[in-house]
Structure formats: C-alpha cells, structure tokens
Amino acid sequence: MAIRTIIQIGHPSLKAKNKLIKSFNSSKVKQLVKDLTDTMYDSGLI
C-alpha cells in the first residue's frame, strides 16, 4: 500500500506534460490504480 499526496486544482503538476499510456493492462498502471484507491480510502474519500 502506497499512500500518495493528493494535490488540489491549480497545482502545477496538473498542467505538466505527461507520458502517453500505451497499455492500461501494464503492471505500472495497475499499481497506480491500487495506490490511488488506497489513498482515497486512507483519506476518507471512499
């Protein structure tokens, strides 16, 4: 479980250029989804 930092609207990271996701079935994307789900549970958002 990795709890990530929740950023707010207006944060510069939201405007940064990011890499294109080529496969939604990759292990990196699956881990990201798990981390974000864990973060939302930990923050009481789910």
PDB file of N, CA and C in Angstrom:
ATOM      1  N   MET A   1       0.855  -1.175   0.000  1.00  0.00           N
ATOM      2  CA  MET A   1       0.000   0.000   0.000  1.00  0.00           C
ATOM      3  C   MET A   1       0.895   1.231   0.000  1.00  0.00           C
ATOM      4  N   ALA A   2       0.672   2.096  -0.967  1.00  0.00           N
ATOM      5  CA  ALA A   2       1.399   3.361  -1.040  1.00  0.00           C
ATOM      6  C   ALA A   2       0.383   4.492  -1.024  1.00  0.00           C
ATOM      7  N   ILE A   3       0.453   5.311   0.008  1.00  0.00           N
ATOM      8  CA  ILE A   3      -0.436   6.462   0.103  1.00  0.00           C
ATOM      9  C   ILE A   3       0.234   7.624  -0.620  1.00  0.00           C
ATOM     10  N   ARG A   4      -0.454   8.180  -1.567  1.00  0.00           N
ATOM     11  CA  ARG A   4       0.092   9.279  -2.369  1.00  0.00           C
ATOM     12  C   ARG A   4      -0.454  10.615  -1.878  1.00  0.00           C
ATOM     13  N   THR A   5       0.249  11.671  -2.226  1.00  0.00           N
ATOM     14  CA  THR A   5      -0.183  13.020  -1.875  1.00  0.00           C
ATOM     15  C   THR A   5      -1.318  13.441  -2.798  1.00  0.00           C
ATOM     16  N   ILE A   6      -2.374  13.988  -2.213  1.00  0.00           N
ATOM     17  CA  ILE A   6      -3.494  14.484  -3.005  1.00  0.00           C
ATOM     18  C   ILE A   6      -3.216  15.952  -3.313  1.00  0.00           C
ATOM     19  N   ILE A   7      -3.212  16.284  -4.596  1.00  0.00           N
ATOM     20  CA  ILE A   7      -2.973  17.672  -4.990  1.00  0.00           C
ATOM     21  C   ILE A   7      -4.299  18.320  -5.360  1.00  0.00           C
ATOM     22  N   GLN A   8      -4.353  19.627  -5.253  1.00  0.00           N
ATOM     23  CA  GLN A   8      -5.582  20.383  -5.472  1.00  0.00           C
ATOM     24  C   GLN A   8      -5.569  21.064  -6.841  1.00  0.00           C
ATOM     25  N   ILE A   9      -6.736  21.513  -7.261  1.00  0.00           N
ATOM     26  CA  ILE A   9      -6.870  22.262  -8.510  1.00  0.00           C
ATOM     27  C   ILE A   9      -5.923  23.456  -8.470  1.00  0.00           C
ATOM     28  N   GLY A  10      -5.215  23.671  -9.568  1.00  0.00           N
ATOM     29  CA  GLY A  10      -4.278  24.774  -9.665  1.00  0.00           C
ATOM     30  C   GLY A  10      -2.833  24.363  -9.423  1.00  0.00           C
ATOM     31  N   HIS A  11      -2.622  23.137  -8.948  1.00  0.00           N
ATOM     32  CA  HIS A  11      -1.255  22.657  -8.709  1.00  0.00           C
ATOM     33  C   HIS A  11      -0.544  22.524 -10.056  1.00  0.00           C
ATOM     34  N   PRO A  12       0.724  22.975 -10.144  1.00  0.00           N
ATOM     35  CA  PRO A  12       1.460  22.930 -11.413  1.00  0.00           C
ATOM     36  C   PRO A  12       1.581  21.528 -12.023  1.00  0.00           C
ATOM     37  N   SER A  13       1.568  20.503 -11.210  1.00  0.00           N
ATOM     38  CA  SER A  13       1.683  19.137 -11.732  1.00  0.00           C
ATOM     39  C   SER A  13       0.527  18.774 -12.657  1.00  0.00           C
ATOM     40  N   LEU A  14      -0.610  19.399 -12.444  1.00  0.00           N
ATOM     41  CA  LEU A  14      -1.778  19.084 -13.266  1.00  0.00           C
ATOM     42  C   LEU A  14      -1.672  19.652 -14.677  1.00  0.00           C
ATOM     43  N   LYS A  15      -0.768  20.610 -14.871  1.00  0.00           N
ATOM     44  CA  LYS A  15      -0.565  21.204 -16.195  1.00  0.00           C
ATOM     45  C   LYS A  15       0.687  20.668 -16.880  1.00  0.00           C
ATOM     46  N   ALA A  16       1.441  19.833 -16.190  1.00  0.00           N
ATOM     47  CA  ALA A  16       2.695  19.307 -16.737  1.00  0.00           C
ATOM     48  C   ALA A  16       2.411  18.307 -17.854  1.00  0.00           C
ATOM     49  N   LYS A  17       3.308  18.249 -18.824  1.00  0.00           N
ATOM     50  CA  LYS A  17       3.186  17.279 -19.905  1.00  0.00           C
ATOM     51  C   LYS A  17       3.549  15.901 -19.353  1.00  0.00           C
ATOM     52  N   ASN A  18       2.727  14.920 -19.643  1.00  0.00           N
ATOM     53  CA  ASN A  18       2.926  13.567 -19.126  1.00  0.00           C
ATOM     54  C   ASN A  18       3.098  12.570 -20.257  1.00  0.00           C
ATOM     55  N   LYS A  19       3.537  11.384 -19.887  1.00  0.00           N
ATOM     56  CA  LYS A  19       3.728  10.318 -20.870  1.00  0.00           C
ATOM     57  C   LYS A  19       2.381   9.729 -21.281  1.00  0.00           C
ATOM     58  N   LEU A  20       2.298   9.303 -22.517  1.00  0.00           N
ATOM     59  CA  LEU A  20       1.115   8.647 -23.039  1.00  0.00           C
ATOM     60  C   LEU A  20       1.052   7.219 -22.497  1.00  0.00           C
ATOM     61  N   ILE A  21      -0.113   6.814 -22.027  1.00  0.00           N
ATOM     62  CA  ILE A  21      -0.295   5.438 -21.562  1.00  0.00           C
ATOM     63  C   ILE A  21      -0.604   4.585 -22.783  1.00  0.00           C
ATOM     64  N   LYS A  22       0.270   3.628 -23.066  1.00  0.00           N
ATOM     65  CA  LYS A  22       0.098   2.773 -24.243  1.00  0.00           C
ATOM     66  C   LYS A  22      -0.714   1.521 -23.932  1.00  0.00           C
ATOM     67  N   SER A  23      -0.646   1.066 -22.686  1.00  0.00           N
ATOM     68  CA  SER A  23      -1.377  -0.143 -22.306  1.00  0.00           C
ATOM     69  C   SER A  23      -1.939   0.026 -20.898  1.00  0.00           C
ATOM     70  N   PHE A  24      -3.250  -0.078 -20.789  1.00  0.00           N
ATOM     71  CA  PHE A  24      -3.881   0.041 -19.482  1.00  0.00           C
ATOM     72  C   PHE A  24      -3.774  -1.254 -18.682  1.00  0.00           C
ATOM     73  N   ASN A  25      -3.232  -2.293 -19.281  1.00  0.00           N
ATOM     74  CA  ASN A  25      -3.058  -3.568 -18.590  1.00  0.00           C
ATOM     75  C   ASN A  25      -1.643  -3.759 -18.067  1.00  0.00           C
ATOM     76  N   SER A  26      -0.811  -2.721 -18.138  1.00  0.00           N
ATOM     77  CA  SER A  26       0.570  -2.852 -17.670  1.00  0.00           C
ATOM     78  C   SER A  26       0.598  -2.905 -16.142  1.00  0.00           C
ATOM     79  N   SER A  27       1.637  -3.490 -15.604  1.00  0.00           N
ATOM     80  CA  SER A  27       1.767  -3.604 -14.150  1.00  0.00           C
ATOM     81  C   SER A  27       1.906  -2.231 -13.497  1.00  0.00           C
ATOM     82  N   LYS A  28       2.531  -1.271 -14.189  1.00  0.00           N
ATOM     83  CA  LYS A  28       2.689   0.080 -13.629  1.00  0.00           C
ATOM     84  C   LYS A  28       1.335   0.775 -13.478  1.00  0.00           C
ATOM     85  N   VAL A  29       0.484   0.640 -14.475  1.00  0.00           N
ATOM     86  CA  VAL A  29      -0.836   1.272 -14.414  1.00  0.00           C
ATOM     87  C   VAL A  29      -1.687   0.589 -13.347  1.00  0.00           C
ATOM     88  N   LYS A  30      -1.629  -0.724 -13.272  1.00  0.00           N
ATOM     89  CA  LYS A  30      -2.390  -1.448 -12.249  1.00  0.00           C
ATOM     90  C   LYS A  30      -1.947  -1.035 -10.850  1.00  0.00           C
ATOM     91  N   GLN A  31      -0.639  -0.853 -10.642  1.00  0.00           N
ATOM     92  CA  GLN A  31      -0.127  -0.431  -9.337  1.00  0.00           C
ATOM     93  C   GLN A  31      -0.563   0.999  -9.028  1.00  0.00           C
ATOM     94  N   LEU A  32      -0.560   1.867 -10.032  1.00  0.00           N
ATOM     95  CA  LEU A  32      -1.006   3.247  -9.841  1.00  0.00           C
ATOM     96  C   LEU A  32      -2.466   3.279  -9.393  1.00  0.00           C
ATOM     97  N   VAL A  33      -3.316   2.498 -10.044  1.00  0.00           N
ATOM     98  CA  VAL A  33      -4.731   2.443  -9.680  1.00  0.00           C
ATOM     99  C   VAL A  33      -4.889   1.942  -8.252  1.00  0.00           C
ATOM    100  N   LYS A  34      -4.134   0.920  -7.864  1.00  0.00           N
ATOM    101  CA  LYS A  34      -4.191   0.410  -6.488  1.00  0.00           C
ATOM    102  C   LYS A  34      -3.745   1.479  -5.498  1.00  0.00           C
ATOM    103  N   ASP A  35      -2.644   2.158  -5.803  1.00  0.00           N
ATOM    104  CA  ASP A  35      -2.144   3.217  -4.919  1.00  0.00           C
ATOM    105  C   ASP A  35      -3.174   4.334  -4.756  1.00  0.00           C
ATOM    106  N   LEU A  36      -3.791   4.745  -5.856  1.00  0.00           N
ATOM    107  CA  LEU A  36      -4.771   5.826  -5.785  1.00  0.00           C
ATOM    108  C   LEU A  36      -6.023   5.396  -5.022  1.00  0.00           C
ATOM    109  N   THR A  37      -6.435   4.145  -5.192  1.00  0.00           N
ATOM    110  CA  THR A  37      -7.572   3.625  -4.434  1.00  0.00           C
ATOM    111  C   THR A  37      -7.245   3.594  -2.947  1.00  0.00           C
ATOM    112  N   ASP A  38      -6.054   3.113  -2.595  1.00  0.00           N
ATOM    113  CA  ASP A  38      -5.619   3.091  -1.193  1.00  0.00           C
ATOM    114  C   ASP A  38      -5.580   4.504  -0.612  1.00  0.00           C
ATOM    115  N   THR A  39      -5.118   5.463  -1.409  1.00  0.00           N
ATOM    116  CA  THR A  39      -5.045   6.859  -0.965  1.00  0.00           C
ATOM    117  C   THR A  39      -6.439   7.403  -0.677  1.00  0.00           C
ATOM    118  N   MET A  40      -7.403   7.104  -1.546  1.00  0.00           N
ATOM    119  CA  MET A  40      -8.765   7.591  -1.335  1.00  0.00           C
ATOM    120  C   MET A  40      -9.391   6.966  -0.094  1.00  0.00           C
ATOM    121  N   TYR A  41      -9.173   5.667   0.134  1.00  0.00           N
ATOM    122  CA  TYR A  41      -9.675   5.026   1.351  1.00  0.00           C
ATOM    123  C   TYR A  41      -9.037   5.646   2.585  1.00  0.00           C
ATOM    124  N   ASP A  42      -7.726   5.850   2.556  1.00  0.00           N
ATOM    125  CA  ASP A  42      -7.000   6.406   3.693  1.00  0.00           C
ATOM    126  C   ASP A  42      -7.465   7.826   4.017  1.00  0.00           C
ATOM    127  N   SER A  43      -7.861   8.571   2.993  1.00  0.00           N
ATOM    128  CA  SER A  43      -8.281   9.965   3.174  1.00  0.00           C
ATOM    129  C   SER A  43      -9.771  10.097   3.488  1.00  0.00           C
ATOM    130  N   GLY A  44     -10.477   8.973   3.504  1.00  0.00           N
ATOM    131  CA  GLY A  44     -11.904   9.013   3.791  1.00  0.00           C
ATOM    132  C   GLY A  44     -12.753   9.463   2.609  1.00  0.00           C
ATOM    133  N   LEU A  45     -12.196   9.392   1.414  1.00  0.00           N
ATOM    134  CA  LEU A  45     -12.934   9.808   0.223  1.00  0.00           C
ATOM    135  C   LEU A  45     -13.789   8.688  -0.350  1.00  0.00           C
ATOM    136  N   ILE A  46     -13.546   7.469   0.108  1.00  0.00           N
ATOM    137  CA  ILE A  46     -14.354   6.314  -0.313  1.00  0.00           C
ATOM    138  C   ILE A  46     -14.924   5.690   0.943  1.00  0.00           C
TER     139      ILE A  46
END
